[in-house]
C-alpha atoms as a PDB file:
ATOM      1  CA  UNK A   1      -1.679 -86.632  48.616  1.00  0.00           C
ATOM      2  CA  UNK A   2       0.743 -87.433  51.409  1.00  0.00           C
ATOM      3  CA  UNK A   3       0.547 -83.869  52.699  1.00  0.00           C
ATOM      4  CA  UNK A   4      -3.274 -83.886  52.685  1.00  0.00           C
ATOM      5  CA  UNK A   5      -3.483 -87.284  54.409  1.00  0.00           C
ATOM      6  CA  UNK A   6      -1.029 -86.021  56.998  1.00  0.00           C
ATOM      7  CA  UNK A   7      -3.106 -82.907  57.728  1.00  0.00           C
ATOM      8  CA  UNK A   8      -6.334 -84.903  57.896  1.00  0.00           C
ATOM      9  CA  UNK A   9      -4.803 -87.310  60.410  1.00  0.00           C
ATOM     10  CA  UNK A  10      -3.587 -84.334  62.433  1.00  0.00           C
ATOM     11  CA  UNK A  11      -7.089 -82.819  62.471  1.00  0.00           C
ATOM     12  CA  UNK A  12      -8.563 -86.135  63.565  1.00  0.00           C
ATOM     13  CA  UNK A  13      -5.967 -86.480  66.334  1.00  0.00           C
ATOM     14  CA  UNK A  14      -6.575 -82.878  67.422  1.00  0.00           C
ATOM     15  CA  UNK A  15     -10.304 -83.526  67.712  1.00  0.00           C
ATOM     16  CA  UNK A  16      -9.645 -86.571  69.868  1.00  0.00           C
ATOM     17  CA  UNK A  17      -7.214 -84.669  72.064  1.00  0.00           C
ATOM     18  CA  UNK A  18      -9.652 -81.780  72.533  1.00  0.00           C
ATOM     19  CA  UNK A  19     -12.350 -84.194  73.632  1.00  0.00           C
ATOM     20  CA  UNK A  20      -9.997 -85.310  76.406  1.00  0.00           C
ATOM     21  CA  UNK A  21      -8.909 -81.774  77.240  1.00  0.00           C
ATOM     22  CA  UNK A  22     -12.521 -80.783  77.905  1.00  0.00           C
ATOM     23  CA  UNK A  23     -12.278 -82.884  81.069  1.00  0.00           C
ATOM     24  CA  UNK A  24      -9.302 -80.966  82.415  1.00  0.00           C
ATOM     25  CA  UNK A  25     -10.243 -78.489  85.130  1.00  0.00           C
ATOM     26  CA  UNK A  26      -7.249 -77.523  87.234  1.00  0.00           C
ATOM     27  CA  UNK A  27      -4.663 -74.915  86.267  1.00  0.00           C
ATOM     28  CA  UNK A  28      -1.924 -77.549  86.252  1.00  0.00           C
ATOM     29  CA  UNK A  29      -3.905 -79.736  83.889  1.00  0.00           C
ATOM     30  CA  UNK A  30      -4.539 -76.821  81.556  1.00  0.00           C
ATOM     31  CA  UNK A  31      -0.843 -76.007  81.439  1.00  0.00           C
ATOM     32  CA  UNK A  32      -0.229 -79.631  80.566  1.00  0.00           C
ATOM     33  CA  UNK A  33      -2.886 -79.349  77.862  1.00  0.00           C
ATOM     34  CA  UNK A  34      -1.128 -76.322  76.346  1.00  0.00           C
ATOM     35  CA  UNK A  35       2.116 -78.281  76.218  1.00  0.00           C
ATOM     36  CA  UNK A  36       0.269 -81.114  74.501  1.00  0.00           C
ATOM     37  CA  UNK A  37      -1.187 -78.732  71.914  1.00  0.00           C
ATOM     38  CA  UNK A  38       2.277 -77.318  71.189  1.00  0.00           C
ATOM     39  CA  UNK A  39       3.233 -80.718  69.846  1.00  0.00           C
ATOM     40  CA  UNK A  40       0.736 -80.211  67.040  1.00  0.00           C
ATOM     41  CA  UNK A  41       2.631 -77.172  65.766  1.00  0.00           C
ATOM     42  CA  UNK A  42       5.566 -79.497  65.176  1.00  0.00           C
ATOM     43  CA  UNK A  43       3.251 -81.882  63.356  1.00  0.00           C
ATOM     44  CA  UNK A  44       2.286 -78.991  61.068  1.00  0.00           C
ATOM     45  CA  UNK A  45       6.012 -78.191  60.686  1.00  0.00           C
ATOM     46  CA  UNK A  46       5.406 -74.741  62.150  1.00  0.00           C
ATOM     47  CA  UNK A  47       6.931 -72.768  65.030  1.00  0.00           C
ATOM     48  CA  UNK A  48       4.912 -72.470  68.256  1.00  0.00           C
ATOM     49  CA  UNK A  49       2.012 -70.042  68.518  1.00  0.00           C
ATOM     50  CA  UNK A  50       3.975 -67.421  70.449  1.00  0.00           C
ATOM     51  CA  UNK A  51       6.132 -66.940  67.342  1.00  0.00           C
ATOM     52  CA  UNK A  52       3.276 -67.189  64.855  1.00  0.00           C
ATOM     53  CA  UNK A  53       1.390 -64.449  66.692  1.00  0.00           C
ATOM     54  CA  UNK A  54       4.198 -62.000  65.955  1.00  0.00           C
ATOM     55  CA  UNK A  55       3.424 -62.292  62.249  1.00  0.00           C
ATOM     56  CA  UNK A  56       0.781 -60.318  60.407  1.00  0.00           C
ATOM     57  CA  UNK A  57      -2.113 -62.333  59.017  1.00  0.00           C
ATOM     58  CA  UNK A  58      -0.712 -61.972  55.508  1.00  0.00           C
ATOM     59  CA  UNK A  59       2.712 -63.187  56.632  1.00  0.00           C
ATOM     60  CA  UNK A  60       1.114 -66.159  58.361  1.00  0.00           C
ATOM     61  CA  UNK A  61      -0.782 -67.115  55.217  1.00  0.00           C
ATOM     62  CA  UNK A  62       2.418 -66.808  53.186  1.00  0.00           C
ATOM     63  CA  UNK A  63       4.221 -69.057  55.671  1.00  0.00           C
ATOM     64  CA  UNK A  64       1.804 -71.899  54.949  1.00  0.00           C
ATOM     65  CA  UNK A  65       1.892 -71.379  51.193  1.00  0.00           C
ATOM     66  CA  UNK A  66       3.504 -73.581  48.563  1.00  0.00           C
ATOM     67  CA  UNK A  67       4.787 -71.858  45.422  1.00  0.00           C
ATOM     68  CA  UNK A  68       2.748 -68.798  46.351  1.00  0.00           C
ATOM     69  CA  UNK A  69      -0.498 -70.729  46.881  1.00  0.00           C
ATOM     70  CA  UNK A  70      -1.845 -71.147  50.440  1.00  0.00           C
ATOM     71  CA  UNK A  71      -2.027 -74.741  51.644  1.00  0.00           C
ATOM     72  CA  UNK A  72      -5.746 -74.770  52.476  1.00  0.00           C
ATOM     73  CA  UNK A  73      -5.627 -78.008  54.472  1.00  0.00           C
ATOM     74  CA  UNK A  74      -2.852 -76.604  56.626  1.00  0.00           C
ATOM     75  CA  UNK A  75      -4.705 -73.287  56.981  1.00  0.00           C
ATOM     76  CA  UNK A  76      -7.759 -75.082  58.356  1.00  0.00           C
ATOM     77  CA  UNK A  77      -5.665 -77.339  60.596  1.00  0.00           C
ATOM     78  CA  UNK A  78      -3.703 -74.403  62.002  1.00  0.00           C
ATOM     79  CA  UNK A  79      -6.902 -72.420  62.509  1.00  0.00           C
ATOM     80  CA  UNK A  80      -8.431 -75.279  64.503  1.00  0.00           C
ATOM     81  CA  UNK A  81      -5.292 -75.556  66.606  1.00  0.00           C
ATOM     82  CA  UNK A  82      -5.214 -71.809  67.338  1.00  0.00           C
ATOM     83  CA  UNK A  83      -8.925 -71.795  68.192  1.00  0.00           C
ATOM     84  CA  UNK A  84      -8.651 -74.615  70.699  1.00  0.00           C
ATOM     85  CA  UNK A  85      -5.511 -73.184  72.238  1.00  0.00           C
ATOM     86  CA  UNK A  86      -7.308 -69.843  72.563  1.00  0.00           C
ATOM     87  CA  UNK A  87     -10.160 -71.501  74.438  1.00  0.00           C
ATOM     88  CA  UNK A  88      -7.707 -72.933  76.945  1.00  0.00           C
ATOM     89  CA  UNK A  89      -6.132 -69.513  77.494  1.00  0.00           C
ATOM     90  CA  UNK A  90      -9.602 -68.050  77.977  1.00  0.00           C
ATOM     91  CA  UNK A  91     -10.384 -70.680  80.605  1.00  0.00           C
ATOM     92  CA  UNK A  92      -7.232 -69.540  82.369  1.00  0.00           C
ATOM     93  CA  UNK A  93      -8.415 -65.900  82.124  1.00  0.00           C
ATOM     94  CA  UNK A  94      -5.527 -65.036  79.818  1.00  0.00           C
ATOM     95  CA  UNK A  95      -7.733 -63.002  77.527  1.00  0.00           C
ATOM     96  CA  UNK A  96      -5.002 -61.238  75.607  1.00  0.00           C
ATOM     97  CA  UNK A  97      -3.523 -64.595  74.619  1.00  0.00           C
ATOM     98  CA  UNK A  98      -6.902 -66.003  73.642  1.00  0.00           C
ATOM     99  CA  UNK A  99      -8.066 -62.973  71.628  1.00  0.00           C
ATOM    100  CA  UNK A 100      -5.159 -62.935  69.192  1.00  0.00           C
ATOM    101  CA  UNK A 101      -5.415 -66.675  68.586  1.00  0.00           C
ATOM    102  CA  UNK A 102      -9.163 -66.396  67.908  1.00  0.00           C
ATOM    103  CA  UNK A 103      -8.524 -63.517  65.483  1.00  0.00           C
ATOM    104  CA  UNK A 104      -5.909 -65.419  63.522  1.00  0.00           C
ATOM    105  CA  UNK A 105      -8.065 -68.557  63.483  1.00  0.00           C
ATOM    106  CA  UNK A 106     -10.989 -66.614  62.020  1.00  0.00           C
ATOM    107  CA  UNK A 107      -8.749 -65.063  59.373  1.00  0.00           C
ATOM    108  CA  UNK A 108      -7.437 -68.492  58.370  1.00  0.00           C
ATOM    109  CA  UNK A 109     -10.928 -70.006  58.168  1.00  0.00           C
ATOM    110  CA  UNK A 110     -12.219 -67.095  56.076  1.00  0.00           C
ATOM    111  CA  UNK A 111      -9.202 -67.276  53.776  1.00  0.00           C
ATOM    112  CA  UNK A 112      -9.582 -71.033  53.354  1.00  0.00           C
ATOM    113  CA  UNK A 113     -13.315 -70.747  52.654  1.00  0.00           C
ATOM    114  CA  UNK A 114     -12.786 -67.944  50.147  1.00  0.00           C
ATOM    115  CA  UNK A 115     -10.243 -70.065  48.273  1.00  0.00           C
ATOM    116  CA  UNK A 116     -12.544 -73.093  48.185  1.00  0.00           C
ATOM    117  CA  UNK A 117     -11.151 -75.320  50.923  1.00  0.00           C
ATOM    118  CA  UNK A 118     -12.732 -78.759  51.138  1.00  0.00           C
ATOM    119  CA  UNK A 119     -11.351 -80.539  54.185  1.00  0.00           C
ATOM    120  CA  UNK A 120     -13.239 -83.673  55.301  1.00  0.00           C
ATOM    121  CA  UNK A 121     -14.241 -83.434  58.937  1.00  0.00           C
ATOM    122  CA  UNK A 122     -13.643 -79.685  59.091  1.00  0.00           C
ATOM    123  CA  UNK A 123     -16.502 -77.567  57.702  1.00  0.00           C
ATOM    124  CA  UNK A 124     -15.266 -74.009  57.197  1.00  0.00           C
ATOM    125  CA  UNK A 125     -18.744 -72.490  57.542  1.00  0.00           C
ATOM    126  CA  UNK A 126     -19.221 -74.085  60.956  1.00  0.00           C
ATOM    127  CA  UNK A 127     -15.709 -73.117  62.048  1.00  0.00           C
ATOM    128  CA  UNK A 128     -16.286 -69.512  60.975  1.00  0.00           C
ATOM    129  CA  UNK A 129     -19.601 -69.332  62.833  1.00  0.00           C
ATOM    130  CA  UNK A 130     -18.145 -70.810  66.014  1.00  0.00           C
ATOM    131  CA  UNK A 131     -15.041 -68.621  66.009  1.00  0.00           C
ATOM    132  CA  UNK A 132     -17.113 -65.519  65.246  1.00  0.00           C
ATOM    133  CA  UNK A 133     -19.151 -66.161  68.382  1.00  0.00           C
ATOM    134  CA  UNK A 134     -16.054 -66.790  70.463  1.00  0.00           C
ATOM    135  CA  UNK A 135     -14.755 -63.398  69.321  1.00  0.00           C
ATOM    136  CA  UNK A 136     -17.853 -61.483  70.485  1.00  0.00           C
ATOM    137  CA  UNK A 137     -16.096 -60.083  73.589  1.00  0.00           C
ATOM    138  CA  UNK A 138     -13.085 -58.973  71.543  1.00  0.00           C
ATOM    139  CA  UNK A 139     -12.377 -56.541  68.720  1.00  0.00           C
ATOM    140  CA  UNK A 140     -11.764 -57.836  65.195  1.00  0.00           C
ATOM    141  CA  UNK A 141      -9.315 -56.118  62.783  1.00  0.00           C
ATOM    142  CA  UNK A 142     -10.739 -54.141  59.899  1.00  0.00           C
ATOM    143  CA  UNK A 143      -9.405 -56.440  57.180  1.00  0.00           C
ATOM    144  CA  UNK A 144     -11.005 -59.473  58.843  1.00  0.00           C
ATOM    145  CA  UNK A 145     -14.340 -57.689  59.306  1.00  0.00           C
ATOM    146  CA  UNK A 146     -14.275 -56.777  55.613  1.00  0.00           C
ATOM    147  CA  UNK A 147     -13.721 -60.448  54.795  1.00  0.00           C
ATOM    148  CA  UNK A 148     -16.564 -61.367  57.156  1.00  0.00           C
ATOM    149  CA  UNK A 149     -18.855 -58.829  55.484  1.00  0.00           C
ATOM    150  CA  UNK A 150     -18.056 -60.280  52.074  1.00  0.00           C
ATOM    151  CA  UNK A 151     -18.467 -63.858  53.320  1.00  0.00           C
ATOM    152  CA  UNK A 152     -21.897 -63.300  54.867  1.00  0.00           C
ATOM    153  CA  UNK A 153     -23.090 -61.280  51.869  1.00  0.00           C
ATOM    154  CA  UNK A 154     -22.073 -64.027  49.431  1.00  0.00           C
ATOM    155  CA  UNK A 155     -23.800 -66.600  51.648  1.00  0.00           C
ATOM    156  CA  UNK A 156     -27.045 -64.597  51.686  1.00  0.00           C
ATOM    157  CA  UNK A 157     -26.780 -64.026  55.441  1.00  0.00           C
ATOM    158  CA  UNK A 158     -27.524 -60.340  55.093  1.00  0.00           C
ATOM    159  CA  UNK A 159     -28.329 -59.515  58.726  1.00  0.00           C
ATOM    160  CA  UNK A 160     -25.002 -60.994  59.840  1.00  0.00           C
ATOM    161  CA  UNK A 161     -23.260 -59.104  57.050  1.00  0.00           C
ATOM    162  CA  UNK A 162     -24.774 -55.830  58.240  1.00  0.00           C
ATOM    163  CA  UNK A 163     -23.760 -56.636  61.810  1.00  0.00           C
ATOM    164  CA  UNK A 164     -20.164 -57.050  60.620  1.00  0.00           C
ATOM    165  CA  UNK A 165     -20.397 -53.735  58.764  1.00  0.00           C
ATOM    166  CA  UNK A 166     -21.614 -51.832  61.815  1.00  0.00           C
ATOM    167  CA  UNK A 167     -19.030 -53.518  64.014  1.00  0.00           C
ATOM    168  CA  UNK A 168     -16.476 -52.122  61.596  1.00  0.00           C
ATOM    169  CA  UNK A 169     -18.039 -48.644  61.705  1.00  0.00           C
ATOM    170  CA  UNK A 170     -18.106 -48.712  65.507  1.00  0.00           C
ATOM    171  CA  UNK A 171     -14.332 -49.022  65.493  1.00  0.00           C
ATOM    172  CA  UNK A 172     -13.646 -46.350  62.878  1.00  0.00           C
ATOM    173  CA  UNK A 173     -15.290 -44.919  59.800  1.00  0.00           C
ATOM    174  CA  UNK A 174     -12.399 -45.557  57.447  1.00  0.00           C
ATOM    175  CA  UNK A 175     -12.458 -45.032  53.659  1.00  0.00           C
ATOM    176  CA  UNK A 176     -12.387 -48.826  53.192  1.00  0.00           C
ATOM    177  CA  UNK A 177     -15.289 -49.297  55.594  1.00  0.00           C
ATOM    178  CA  UNK A 178     -17.358 -46.542  53.998  1.00  0.00           C
ATOM    179  CA  UNK A 179     -16.716 -47.941  50.523  1.00  0.00           C
ATOM    180  CA  UNK A 180     -17.638 -51.456  51.654  1.00  0.00           C
ATOM    181  CA  UNK A 181     -20.845 -50.177  53.261  1.00  0.00           C
ATOM    182  CA  UNK A 182     -21.907 -48.256  50.167  1.00  0.00           C
ATOM    183  CA  UNK A 183     -21.228 -51.303  48.007  1.00  0.00           C
ATOM    184  CA  UNK A 184     -23.184 -53.541  50.404  1.00  0.00           C
ATOM    185  CA  UNK A 185     -26.339 -51.413  50.345  1.00  0.00           C
ATOM    186  CA  UNK A 186     -26.087 -50.782  46.609  1.00  0.00           C
ATOM    187  CA  UNK A 187     -25.787 -54.521  45.989  1.00  0.00           C
ATOM    188  CA  UNK A 188     -28.732 -55.395  48.216  1.00  0.00           C
ATOM    189  CA  UNK A 189     -30.957 -52.896  46.444  1.00  0.00           C
ATOM    190  CA  UNK A 190     -31.037 -55.429  43.600  1.00  0.00           C
ATOM    191  CA  UNK A 191     -31.915 -58.367  45.873  1.00  0.00           C
ATOM    192  CA  UNK A 192     -35.540 -59.495  45.993  1.00  0.00           C
ATOM    193  CA  UNK A 193     -37.676 -58.966  49.074  1.00  0.00           C
ATOM    194  CA  UNK A 194     -37.984 -62.724  49.441  1.00  0.00           C
ATOM    195  CA  UNK A 195     -34.220 -63.242  49.595  1.00  0.00           C
ATOM    196  CA  UNK A 196     -33.807 -60.313  51.953  1.00  0.00           C
ATOM    197  CA  UNK A 197     -36.365 -61.874  54.278  1.00  0.00           C
ATOM    198  CA  UNK A 198     -34.519 -65.192  54.100  1.00  0.00           C
ATOM    199  CA  UNK A 199     -31.326 -63.348  55.009  1.00  0.00           C
ATOM    200  CA  UNK A 200     -33.163 -61.788  57.997  1.00  0.00           C
ATOM    201  CA  UNK A 201     -32.766 -58.260  56.664  1.00  0.00           C
ATOM    202  CA  UNK A 202     -36.206 -57.175  55.392  1.00  0.00           C
ATOM    203  CA  UNK A 203     -36.428 -54.196  53.075  1.00  0.00           C
ATOM    204  CA  UNK A 204     -37.430 -51.676  55.748  1.00  0.00           C
ATOM    205  CA  UNK A 205     -34.448 -52.676  57.925  1.00  0.00           C
ATOM    206  CA  UNK A 206     -32.170 -52.479  54.914  1.00  0.00           C
ATOM    207  CA  UNK A 207     -33.256 -48.893  54.266  1.00  0.00           C
ATOM    208  CA  UNK A 208     -32.895 -48.026  57.947  1.00  0.00           C
ATOM    209  CA  UNK A 209     -29.402 -49.481  57.943  1.00  0.00           C
ATOM    210  CA  UNK A 210     -28.426 -47.422  54.908  1.00  0.00           C
ATOM    211  CA  UNK A 211     -29.695 -44.267  56.633  1.00  0.00           C
ATOM    212  CA  UNK A 212     -27.858 -45.118  59.852  1.00  0.00           C
ATOM    213  CA  UNK A 213     -24.630 -45.668  57.947  1.00  0.00           C
ATOM    214  CA  UNK A 214     -24.939 -42.367  56.103  1.00  0.00           C
ATOM    215  CA  UNK A 215     -25.550 -40.518  59.363  1.00  0.00           C
ATOM    216  CA  UNK A 216     -22.596 -42.245  60.968  1.00  0.00           C
ATOM    217  CA  UNK A 217     -20.298 -41.269  58.117  1.00  0.00           C
ATOM    218  CA  UNK A 218     -21.484 -37.663  58.282  1.00  0.00           C
ATOM    219  CA  UNK A 219     -20.961 -37.296  61.995  1.00  0.00           C
ATOM    220  CA  UNK A 220     -17.993 -39.663  62.316  1.00  0.00           C
ATOM    221  CA  UNK A 221     -15.735 -38.682  65.158  1.00  0.00           C
ATOM    222  CA  UNK A 222     -13.128 -40.729  67.082  1.00  0.00           C
ATOM    223  CA  UNK A 223     -14.612 -42.839  69.886  1.00  0.00           C
ATOM    224  CA  UNK A 224     -18.198 -42.062  68.929  1.00  0.00           C
ATOM    225  CA  UNK A 225     -20.292 -45.129  69.867  1.00  0.00           C
ATOM    226  CA  UNK A 226     -22.843 -46.434  67.403  1.00  0.00           C
ATOM    227  CA  UNK A 227     -25.987 -48.188  68.503  1.00  0.00           C
ATOM    228  CA  UNK A 228     -27.986 -50.481  66.247  1.00  0.00           C
ATOM    229  CA  UNK A 229     -31.371 -51.848  67.239  1.00  0.00           C
ATOM    230  CA  UNK A 230     -32.567 -54.700  65.042  1.00  0.00           C
ATOM    231  CA  UNK A 231     -36.289 -55.263  64.798  1.00  0.00           C
ATOM    232  CA  UNK A 232     -37.449 -58.877  65.108  1.00  0.00           C
END
């Protein structure tokens, strides 16, 4: 209980700090803001981001685990911290620094949501949606896109799930990606037309997507761009 209360207070303090940081405009003020955010890593009893970014996503999740079980409150808190720090780096046009922080934040949010995180004042679904949009200009690792595909499919957001699948295929047609795509279309064959419409992937678009994926797998070559046009 102490640990959870501590994390919740940290999240509340972080939200208040970020509201103030939004007013900072100059480069000097942003550098000061980054120093302020570094203090929160100490509050989470973690090393600074520059060290955390050297870890794989799996190693990072293990670092915040207790007896082999991820601390979901800490995962969400760390994800929020990385996301906000990434936005500051992006404002400073340090895109390499921002991209990796956004990627790790998304992985943490997806992991926490998958494991049933329930953190007051920090809705994982909203955090995932926001971070996904912030990552639009950047690439996302295969394992995170597979998690995103599974997340959107389970949530009935089928159009977004298919977008994640084709983003994965644009990078590389890997065995894992092909298997995930085949499973996705096989699963949605059993979904009613009504639910497909609600998920913004009507039956005719579903069939077109399956065909596009099959063609992509057949002609897959390195650096071959894939274009998807979604009908409204």
